[in-house]
Every structure is written in C-alpha cells, then in structure tokens.
Amino acid sequence: MAPLSIDPRSLNADERAVLEHILSAEFDGASRLRNQLDRTEVTAAWGPDSVSVDLQVREPCEHAALSTELVPVDAHVHDPSGAYVGEILVWTDRGATLAALEFACVTDEMPTSLPTVMHGRLSWPS
C-alpha cells in the first residue's frame, strides 16, 4: 500500500517524544539528527489508521552521515507486563535526514497510538 499523502504538518507530541527518546542514544550522526527535529514535518501516513509516518526535514539543516538508512538504535516496545510487542524504526534519506518513523508491531492488533516513554523504555498499553 502506498503512503497516504497529507498536508505537511509539524510533529505531534507523541511523535516528537518517541524520536527524542531514540535519538538520545549516542551514535555517529545522532546529534545532527536531533538538531533536525525542529525542522521535521510529517508528509504522509502509512495507512488510514497507521501511526507510522513519512517525514521530511526542511532545509537548511545539518545532514548526518550515517552509513545506512536505518538509525542504529534498538528501540524495542513492551507492554505493561514486559512482553515484546514490536519496535520503533527510524529511517533516514540516504543517511542524511529523517525520513520515516515506523512502529513495527508483532501483535495481531495494529497500534492506534505510538508507545510512550516510561522509565527510559518504550511502553505500549496491552
């Protein structure tokens, strides 16, 4: 399914919190990606009720120099009982700018919200 284009909008509070949490990890290019957050817009949803979105960073911005398109952070999501329910993936455009935020869920139920950051972990209500 092709992403559903939307009028570009700023990151909402949940999207920003999840991105800030993931980008707080130290890796090559992390500080440059963090610096892009204020210039990042959501440009498409991955489906009618999807919490996964395409991102675009308005220029000018400092480009990161990641060697891959996927941010190298393990962002596992657990439910309140501690069970693994998926992970958050942050994609870049050729390793330079933020390009997508994906909630890759492994449950039968599609998430209707992003996980919250609680006690330094990503948690999703069961």
N, C-alpha and C. Protein backbone atom coordinates (compact mmCIF):
# COMPACT_ATOMS: atom_id res chain seq x y z
N MET A 1 0.85 -1.17 0.00
CA MET A 1 0.00 0.00 0.00
C MET A 1 0.89 1.23 0.00
N ALA A 2 0.58 2.17 -0.85
CA ALA A 2 1.34 3.42 -0.92
C ALA A 2 0.95 4.33 0.24
N PRO A 3 1.91 5.10 0.74
CA PRO A 3 1.59 6.04 1.82
C PRO A 3 0.50 7.03 1.38
N LEU A 4 -0.28 7.48 2.34
CA LEU A 4 -1.33 8.46 2.08
C LEU A 4 -0.76 9.86 2.31
N SER A 5 -0.62 10.62 1.24
CA SER A 5 -0.09 11.97 1.37
C SER A 5 -1.03 12.83 2.20
N ILE A 6 -0.45 13.71 2.99
CA ILE A 6 -1.22 14.65 3.78
C ILE A 6 -0.59 16.03 3.63
N ASP A 7 -1.33 17.06 4.00
CA ASP A 7 -0.71 18.37 4.05
C ASP A 7 0.38 18.31 5.10
N PRO A 8 1.60 18.74 4.77
CA PRO A 8 2.67 18.68 5.76
C PRO A 8 2.26 19.35 7.06
N ARG A 9 2.64 18.70 8.16
CA ARG A 9 2.33 19.22 9.49
C ARG A 9 3.52 18.99 10.40
N SER A 10 3.56 19.72 11.48
CA SER A 10 4.62 19.54 12.47
C SER A 10 4.45 18.19 13.15
N LEU A 11 5.52 17.72 13.76
CA LEU A 11 5.44 16.50 14.56
C LEU A 11 4.46 16.73 15.70
N ASN A 12 3.65 15.72 16.02
CA ASN A 12 2.80 15.86 17.20
C ASN A 12 3.63 15.49 18.44
N ALA A 13 3.08 15.68 19.61
CA ALA A 13 3.82 15.46 20.85
C ALA A 13 4.31 14.02 20.98
N ASP A 14 3.49 13.04 20.59
CA ASP A 14 3.88 11.64 20.71
C ASP A 14 5.03 11.30 19.75
N GLU A 15 4.93 11.76 18.50
CA GLU A 15 5.98 11.52 17.52
C GLU A 15 7.30 12.13 17.98
N ARG A 16 7.22 13.35 18.46
CA ARG A 16 8.43 14.04 18.92
C ARG A 16 9.04 13.32 20.12
N ALA A 17 8.23 12.91 21.07
CA ALA A 17 8.75 12.23 22.26
C ALA A 17 9.47 10.93 21.89
N VAL A 18 8.87 10.15 21.00
CA VAL A 18 9.49 8.89 20.58
C VAL A 18 10.79 9.16 19.83
N LEU A 19 10.78 10.13 18.92
CA LEU A 19 12.01 10.46 18.19
C LEU A 19 13.09 10.98 19.13
N GLU A 20 12.73 11.84 20.07
CA GLU A 20 13.71 12.36 21.03
C GLU A 20 14.32 11.22 21.84
N HIS A 21 13.48 10.27 22.26
CA HIS A 21 13.97 9.13 23.03
C HIS A 21 14.98 8.31 22.21
N ILE A 22 14.64 7.97 20.99
CA ILE A 22 15.52 7.15 20.16
C ILE A 22 16.79 7.91 19.81
N LEU A 23 16.65 9.18 19.47
CA LEU A 23 17.83 9.96 19.06
C LEU A 23 18.67 10.41 20.25
N SER A 24 18.24 10.10 21.47
CA SER A 24 19.07 10.42 22.64
C SER A 24 20.23 9.43 22.76
N ALA A 25 20.15 8.31 22.06
CA ALA A 25 21.26 7.35 22.04
C ALA A 25 22.44 7.98 21.32
N GLU A 26 23.62 7.58 21.72
CA GLU A 26 24.82 8.10 21.07
C GLU A 26 25.26 7.17 19.94
N PHE A 27 25.31 7.71 18.75
CA PHE A 27 25.83 7.01 17.58
C PHE A 27 26.28 8.09 16.61
N ASP A 28 27.10 7.74 15.65
CA ASP A 28 27.59 8.72 14.68
C ASP A 28 26.41 9.35 13.95
N GLY A 29 26.31 10.66 14.00
CA GLY A 29 25.23 11.37 13.33
C GLY A 29 24.04 11.68 14.21
N ALA A 30 24.00 11.15 15.44
CA ALA A 30 22.84 11.35 16.32
C ALA A 30 22.58 12.82 16.60
N SER A 31 23.62 13.58 16.91
CA SER A 31 23.39 14.99 17.26
C SER A 31 22.84 15.77 16.07
N ARG A 32 23.27 15.44 14.88
CA ARG A 32 22.75 16.14 13.70
C ARG A 32 21.29 15.77 13.45
N LEU A 33 20.94 14.51 13.67
CA LEU A 33 19.53 14.12 13.52
C LEU A 33 18.68 14.78 14.60
N ARG A 34 19.18 14.85 15.83
CA ARG A 34 18.45 15.56 16.89
C ARG A 34 18.21 17.02 16.52
N ASN A 35 19.22 17.65 15.92
CA ASN A 35 19.10 19.05 15.52
C ASN A 35 18.08 19.26 14.40
N GLN A 36 17.68 18.20 13.73
CA GLN A 36 16.70 18.30 12.64
C GLN A 36 15.25 18.30 13.15
N LEU A 37 15.02 17.92 14.38
CA LEU A 37 13.65 17.74 14.88
C LEU A 37 12.79 18.98 14.72
N ASP A 38 13.32 20.16 14.99
CA ASP A 38 12.52 21.38 14.88
C ASP A 38 12.15 21.71 13.43
N ARG A 39 12.83 21.10 12.48
CA ARG A 39 12.57 21.36 11.07
C ARG A 39 11.89 20.17 10.39
N THR A 40 11.46 19.19 11.17
CA THR A 40 10.87 17.96 10.62
C THR A 40 9.36 18.05 10.54
N GLU A 41 8.83 17.66 9.39
CA GLU A 41 7.38 17.64 9.16
C GLU A 41 6.94 16.23 8.79
N VAL A 42 5.69 15.92 9.10
CA VAL A 42 5.06 14.67 8.68
C VAL A 42 4.42 14.96 7.32
N THR A 43 4.71 14.11 6.33
CA THR A 43 4.21 14.34 4.97
C THR A 43 3.26 13.25 4.48
N ALA A 44 3.22 12.10 5.17
CA ALA A 44 2.34 11.01 4.75
C ALA A 44 2.15 10.04 5.90
N ALA A 45 0.98 9.38 5.89
CA ALA A 45 0.70 8.29 6.83
C ALA A 45 0.79 6.99 6.04
N TRP A 46 1.17 5.91 6.70
CA TRP A 46 1.34 4.64 6.02
C TRP A 46 0.04 3.89 5.80
N GLY A 47 -1.04 4.44 6.27
CA GLY A 47 -2.36 3.85 6.09
C GLY A 47 -3.38 4.72 6.80
N PRO A 48 -4.67 4.45 6.58
CA PRO A 48 -5.70 5.31 7.17
C PRO A 48 -5.61 5.46 8.68
N ASP A 49 -5.28 4.41 9.41
CA ASP A 49 -5.19 4.49 10.87
C ASP A 49 -3.77 4.22 11.38
N SER A 50 -2.80 4.29 10.49
CA SER A 50 -1.43 3.95 10.85
C SER A 50 -0.77 5.05 11.66
N VAL A 51 0.05 4.65 12.64
CA VAL A 51 0.86 5.61 13.38
C VAL A 51 2.25 5.76 12.76
N SER A 52 2.56 4.93 11.76
CA SER A 52 3.81 5.06 11.02
C SER A 52 3.65 6.16 9.98
N VAL A 53 4.69 7.01 9.87
CA VAL A 53 4.58 8.18 9.01
C VAL A 53 5.87 8.44 8.26
N ASP A 54 5.73 9.11 7.12
CA ASP A 54 6.89 9.62 6.38
C ASP A 54 7.21 11.00 6.90
N LEU A 55 8.49 11.30 6.93
CA LEU A 55 8.98 12.58 7.43
C LEU A 55 9.79 13.30 6.36
N GLN A 56 9.84 14.60 6.49
CA GLN A 56 10.70 15.41 5.62
C GLN A 56 11.28 16.53 6.46
N VAL A 57 12.56 16.79 6.28
CA VAL A 57 13.24 17.84 7.02
C VAL A 57 13.40 19.05 6.10
N ARG A 58 12.89 20.19 6.56
CA ARG A 58 13.02 21.43 5.79
C ARG A 58 14.47 21.90 5.84
N GLU A 59 14.96 22.33 4.71
CA GLU A 59 16.30 22.91 4.64
C GLU A 59 16.22 24.35 5.11
N PRO A 60 17.28 24.95 5.58
CA PRO A 60 18.61 24.36 5.72
C PRO A 60 18.70 23.55 7.00
N CYS A 61 19.50 22.51 6.96
CA CYS A 61 19.75 21.70 8.14
C CYS A 61 21.10 21.03 7.99
N GLU A 62 21.65 20.62 9.12
CA GLU A 62 22.89 19.86 9.10
C GLU A 62 22.55 18.42 8.73
N HIS A 63 23.24 17.88 7.75
CA HIS A 63 23.00 16.50 7.34
C HIS A 63 23.87 15.56 8.17
N ALA A 64 23.28 14.46 8.56
CA ALA A 64 24.04 13.40 9.23
C ALA A 64 24.80 12.63 8.17
N ALA A 65 25.68 11.78 8.59
CA ALA A 65 26.45 10.96 7.65
C ALA A 65 26.41 9.50 8.08
N LEU A 66 25.18 8.98 8.23
CA LEU A 66 25.03 7.58 8.60
C LEU A 66 25.41 6.67 7.43
N SER A 67 25.94 5.52 7.76
CA SER A 67 26.33 4.58 6.70
C SER A 67 25.15 3.77 6.19
N THR A 68 24.00 3.81 6.90
CA THR A 68 22.80 3.09 6.46
C THR A 68 21.60 4.02 6.53
N GLU A 69 20.49 3.59 5.96
CA GLU A 69 19.27 4.38 6.01
C GLU A 69 18.51 4.19 7.31
N LEU A 70 18.84 3.17 8.07
CA LEU A 70 18.15 2.87 9.33
C LEU A 70 19.00 3.38 10.50
N VAL A 71 18.37 4.15 11.39
CA VAL A 71 19.08 4.64 12.57
C VAL A 71 19.47 3.43 13.42
N PRO A 72 20.75 3.34 13.82
CA PRO A 72 21.25 2.15 14.51
C PRO A 72 20.94 2.11 16.00
N VAL A 73 19.65 2.07 16.34
CA VAL A 73 19.21 2.02 17.73
C VAL A 73 18.16 0.91 17.86
N ASP A 74 18.35 0.04 18.85
CA ASP A 74 17.33 -0.97 19.15
C ASP A 74 16.28 -0.30 20.03
N ALA A 75 15.10 -0.08 19.49
CA ALA A 75 14.02 0.60 20.21
C ALA A 75 12.86 -0.36 20.37
N HIS A 76 13.06 -1.36 21.19
CA HIS A 76 12.03 -2.38 21.44
C HIS A 76 10.89 -1.78 22.25
N VAL A 77 9.68 -2.24 21.94
CA VAL A 77 8.48 -1.79 22.64
C VAL A 77 7.91 -2.97 23.42
N HIS A 78 7.56 -2.72 24.69
CA HIS A 78 7.00 -3.76 25.56
C HIS A 78 5.65 -3.30 26.10
N ASP A 79 4.79 -4.26 26.39
CA ASP A 79 3.53 -3.91 27.03
C ASP A 79 3.76 -3.83 28.54
N PRO A 80 2.75 -3.44 29.32
CA PRO A 80 2.95 -3.28 30.76
C PRO A 80 3.44 -4.54 31.48
N SER A 81 3.16 -5.72 30.92
CA SER A 81 3.63 -6.96 31.56
C SER A 81 5.07 -7.28 31.19
N GLY A 82 5.65 -6.49 30.28
CA GLY A 82 7.02 -6.71 29.86
C GLY A 82 7.16 -7.49 28.57
N ALA A 83 6.04 -7.94 27.99
CA ALA A 83 6.09 -8.72 26.74
C ALA A 83 6.48 -7.82 25.56
N TYR A 84 7.32 -8.35 24.71
CA TYR A 84 7.75 -7.64 23.50
C TYR A 84 6.58 -7.55 22.53
N VAL A 85 6.27 -6.33 22.04
CA VAL A 85 5.16 -6.16 21.10
C VAL A 85 5.61 -5.57 19.76
N GLY A 86 6.88 -5.19 19.67
CA GLY A 86 7.38 -4.64 18.42
C GLY A 86 8.56 -3.73 18.66
N GLU A 87 8.83 -2.90 17.66
CA GLU A 87 9.92 -1.96 17.78
C GLU A 87 9.64 -0.72 16.95
N ILE A 88 10.32 0.34 17.31
CA ILE A 88 10.24 1.58 16.55
C ILE A 88 11.48 1.65 15.67
N LEU A 89 11.26 1.90 14.40
CA LEU A 89 12.35 2.08 13.45
C LEU A 89 12.33 3.52 12.97
N VAL A 90 13.49 4.14 12.90
CA VAL A 90 13.62 5.49 12.36
C VAL A 90 14.47 5.38 11.11
N TRP A 91 13.90 5.81 10.00
CA TRP A 91 14.55 5.73 8.70
C TRP A 91 15.08 7.10 8.31
N THR A 92 16.16 7.09 7.52
CA THR A 92 16.73 8.34 7.01
C THR A 92 16.74 8.33 5.49
N ASP A 93 16.89 9.49 4.94
CA ASP A 93 17.04 9.64 3.49
C ASP A 93 18.54 9.61 3.19
N ARG A 94 19.00 8.47 2.71
CA ARG A 94 20.42 8.26 2.37
C ARG A 94 21.35 8.57 3.56
N GLY A 95 20.86 8.33 4.78
CA GLY A 95 21.68 8.54 5.96
C GLY A 95 21.86 9.99 6.35
N ALA A 96 21.15 10.91 5.68
CA ALA A 96 21.39 12.34 5.89
C ALA A 96 20.31 13.05 6.70
N THR A 97 19.03 12.76 6.42
CA THR A 97 17.94 13.45 7.09
C THR A 97 16.86 12.45 7.50
N LEU A 98 16.08 12.81 8.51
CA LEU A 98 14.99 11.95 8.97
C LEU A 98 13.99 11.74 7.84
N ALA A 99 13.55 10.49 7.63
CA ALA A 99 12.66 10.19 6.52
C ALA A 99 11.39 9.45 6.91
N ALA A 100 11.40 8.68 8.00
CA ALA A 100 10.20 7.94 8.40
C ALA A 100 10.32 7.48 9.84
N LEU A 101 9.15 7.35 10.46
CA LEU A 101 9.00 6.81 11.81
C LEU A 101 8.05 5.64 11.69
N GLU A 102 8.52 4.43 12.02
CA GLU A 102 7.73 3.21 11.84
C GLU A 102 7.55 2.48 13.16
N PHE A 103 6.31 2.13 13.47
CA PHE A 103 6.02 1.24 14.59
C PHE A 103 5.79 -0.14 13.99
N ALA A 104 6.81 -0.99 14.06
CA ALA A 104 6.74 -2.34 13.54
C ALA A 104 6.22 -3.25 14.65
N CYS A 105 4.93 -3.49 14.64
CA CYS A 105 4.25 -4.22 15.71
C CYS A 105 4.17 -5.70 15.34
N VAL A 106 4.34 -6.58 16.32
CA VAL A 106 4.28 -8.02 16.08
C VAL A 106 3.02 -8.65 16.67
N THR A 107 2.07 -7.83 17.06
CA THR A 107 0.82 -8.33 17.62
C THR A 107 -0.24 -8.43 16.53
N ASP A 108 -1.33 -9.10 16.83
CA ASP A 108 -2.43 -9.21 15.88
C ASP A 108 -3.17 -7.89 15.71
N GLU A 109 -3.11 -7.08 16.73
CA GLU A 109 -3.81 -5.80 16.74
C GLU A 109 -2.87 -4.68 16.29
N MET A 110 -3.28 -3.93 15.27
CA MET A 110 -2.47 -2.80 14.81
C MET A 110 -2.52 -1.69 15.86
N PRO A 111 -1.38 -1.08 16.15
CA PRO A 111 -1.39 0.00 17.14
C PRO A 111 -2.15 1.22 16.63
N THR A 112 -2.87 1.86 17.51
CA THR A 112 -3.58 3.09 17.16
C THR A 112 -2.90 4.30 17.77
N SER A 113 -1.81 4.04 18.51
CA SER A 113 -1.02 5.12 19.08
C SER A 113 0.42 4.67 19.18
N LEU A 114 1.31 5.63 19.23
CA LEU A 114 2.72 5.32 19.44
C LEU A 114 2.92 4.93 20.90
N PRO A 115 3.99 4.20 21.19
CA PRO A 115 4.27 3.89 22.58
C PRO A 115 4.66 5.15 23.34
N THR A 116 4.58 5.08 24.65
CA THR A 116 5.04 6.19 25.48
C THR A 116 6.40 5.83 26.06
N VAL A 117 7.14 6.86 26.41
CA VAL A 117 8.44 6.64 27.04
C VAL A 117 8.21 6.67 28.55
N MET A 118 8.45 5.52 29.18
CA MET A 118 8.27 5.40 30.63
C MET A 118 9.51 4.75 31.23
N HIS A 119 10.13 5.44 32.17
CA HIS A 119 11.30 4.92 32.86
C HIS A 119 12.40 4.53 31.88
N GLY A 120 12.57 5.34 30.84
CA GLY A 120 13.63 5.09 29.86
C GLY A 120 13.35 3.98 28.88
N ARG A 121 12.10 3.48 28.86
CA ARG A 121 11.72 2.41 27.92
C ARG A 121 10.48 2.82 27.14
N LEU A 122 10.29 2.19 26.00
CA LEU A 122 9.08 2.42 25.22
C LEU A 122 8.03 1.42 25.67
N SER A 123 6.88 1.92 26.08
CA SER A 123 5.81 1.06 26.60
C SER A 123 4.53 1.30 25.83
N TRP A 124 3.82 0.23 25.54
CA TRP A 124 2.56 0.31 24.80
C TRP A 124 1.48 -0.41 25.59
N PRO A 125 0.35 0.23 25.81
CA PRO A 125 -0.70 -0.45 26.58
C PRO A 125 -1.19 -1.70 25.86
N SER A 126 -1.44 -2.74 26.63
CA SER A 126 -1.89 -4.01 26.01
C SER A 126 -3.37 -3.97 25.74
